[in-house]
Protein backbone atom coordinates (compact mmCIF):
# COMPACT_ATOMS: atom_id res chain seq x y z
CA MET A 1 54.13 127.64 106.99
CA ALA A 2 56.40 124.94 105.60
CA VAL A 3 55.94 123.34 102.22
CA LEU A 4 56.01 119.57 102.30
CA PHE A 5 57.61 117.67 99.45
CA SER A 6 54.32 115.84 98.90
CA GLU A 7 52.64 119.22 98.28
CA LEU A 8 55.18 119.99 95.57
CA LEU A 9 54.05 116.88 93.73
CA VAL A 10 50.44 118.08 93.52
CA PRO A 11 49.80 120.01 90.29
CA GLY A 12 48.70 123.57 90.94
CA TRP A 13 49.75 123.67 94.60
CA ALA A 14 51.17 127.17 94.17
CA GLU A 15 47.85 128.54 92.93
CA ARG A 16 46.15 127.54 96.20
CA GLY A 17 47.98 130.22 98.19
CA MET A 18 50.58 128.01 99.86
CA ILE A 19 53.97 129.47 100.67
CA GLY A 20 56.61 128.23 98.26
CA LEU A 21 60.36 128.39 98.17
CA GLY A 22 60.30 131.74 96.37
CA GLU A 23 58.49 133.35 99.30
CA VAL A 24 61.12 132.03 101.70
CA THR A 25 64.26 132.91 99.72
CA GLY A 26 62.89 135.84 97.73
CA GLU A 27 64.62 136.48 94.43
CA ILE A 28 67.93 135.06 95.68
CA SER A 29 69.42 132.49 93.34
CA LEU A 30 70.77 129.69 95.52
CA PRO A 31 73.53 127.41 94.19
CA CYS A 32 71.75 124.27 95.40
CA HIS A 33 68.68 125.21 93.35
CA ILE A 34 70.65 125.72 90.16
CA ALA A 35 73.01 122.73 90.35
CA GLU A 36 71.88 119.15 89.96
CA PRO A 37 70.55 117.90 93.34
CA GLU A 38 72.55 114.66 93.17
CA LEU A 39 75.75 116.69 93.43
CA PHE A 40 75.03 117.43 97.10
CA PHE A 41 74.64 113.72 97.89
CA ASP A 42 77.47 112.30 95.78
CA GLU A 43 79.99 109.78 97.11
CA SER A 44 83.07 110.84 95.13
CA ALA A 45 85.55 113.19 96.81
CA PRO A 46 85.92 115.58 93.84
CA ARG A 47 82.14 116.05 93.60
CA VAL A 48 81.86 116.55 97.36
CA LEU A 49 84.48 119.31 97.11
CA LEU A 50 82.59 120.87 94.20
CA ALA A 51 79.35 120.90 96.21
CA LYS A 52 81.13 122.45 99.19
CA SER A 53 82.64 125.13 96.96
CA LEU A 54 79.19 126.03 95.59
CA CYS A 55 77.99 126.57 99.17
CA SER A 56 80.88 128.90 100.00
CA SER A 57 79.27 131.91 98.31
CA CYS A 58 75.67 131.12 99.25
CA PRO A 59 73.86 133.81 101.27
CA MET A 60 71.79 131.14 103.06
CA ARG A 61 74.81 129.07 104.14
CA SER A 62 74.57 129.66 107.89
CA ALA A 63 70.79 129.16 107.97
CA CYS A 64 71.15 125.99 105.91
CA LEU A 65 73.84 124.62 108.24
CA GLU A 66 71.83 125.53 111.34
CA GLY A 67 68.76 123.77 109.95
CA ALA A 68 70.74 120.67 108.99
CA LEU A 69 72.27 120.47 112.46
CA SER A 70 68.87 120.81 114.13
CA ARG A 71 67.41 118.09 111.88
CA ARG A 72 70.50 115.89 112.21
CA GLU A 73 70.55 115.40 108.42
CA PRO A 74 71.69 111.84 107.75
CA CYS A 75 73.79 112.64 104.67
CA GLY A 76 74.74 115.21 102.08
CA ILE A 77 76.28 118.66 101.86
CA TRP A 78 74.39 121.20 103.94
CA GLY A 79 75.66 124.73 104.56
CA GLY A 80 79.01 123.82 103.05
CA GLU A 81 79.60 120.93 105.45
CA LEU A 82 79.52 117.20 104.81
CA PHE A 83 77.05 115.24 106.94
CA VAL A 84 77.29 111.50 107.59
CA ASN A 85 74.84 109.95 110.06
CA GLY A 86 73.79 113.37 111.34
CA GLU A 87 77.34 114.48 112.15
CA ILE A 88 79.70 116.85 110.35
CA VAL A 89 82.75 115.03 108.99
CA ALA A 90 85.81 116.29 107.12
CA SER A 91 85.60 113.69 104.35
CA LYS A 92 83.79 110.50 103.50
CA ARG A 93 85.57 107.27 104.18
CA THR A 94 86.15 105.30 101.03
CA VAL A 95 85.09 101.70 100.61
CA GLY A 96 87.54 99.09 101.87
CA ARG A 97 90.52 99.24 104.15
CA PRO A 98 92.60 102.37 104.62
CA ARG A 99 95.87 102.33 102.69
CA LEU A 100 98.81 100.89 104.60
CA LYS A 101 100.82 104.13 104.24
CA GLU A 102 97.97 106.15 105.82
CA THR A 103 97.65 103.66 108.67
CA LEU A 104 101.40 103.67 109.36
CA ALA A 105 101.56 107.49 109.21
CA THR A 106 98.67 107.79 111.68
CA ALA A 107 100.23 105.23 114.03
CA SER A 108 103.59 107.00 113.83
CA THR A 109 102.03 110.37 114.63
CA MET A 110 100.16 108.90 117.59
CA SER A 111 103.27 107.25 119.01
CA ASP A 112 105.28 110.50 118.61
CA GLU A 113 102.56 112.38 120.49
CA ALA A 114 102.56 109.77 123.25
CA LEU A 115 106.33 110.04 123.64
CA ALA A 116 106.17 113.84 123.79
CA SER A 117 103.72 113.83 126.69
């Protein structure tokens, strides 16, 4: 039985015999339950890396990632991976245009690869 977020808002829901998070995870202390929740949905690169590092030692990491993939989570850190629009990405794109140096380096790499083949 799953616990809906709306049930968590009802005072005394745990006394009515519903299954809570403790029954699912047992006595395991999960990093995402100790840290501030906003950390796992932050936009800044350093905080994204911090959230990913917290997931690295989590015993539920693979189950969390599997669940996020099946739900196509729209955003956030799930199972140590960054999700954007339901897809795993390496890093979030910052606001605005890419820096000219990055664009030139990417174009140079692509042209070198094209010449090699």
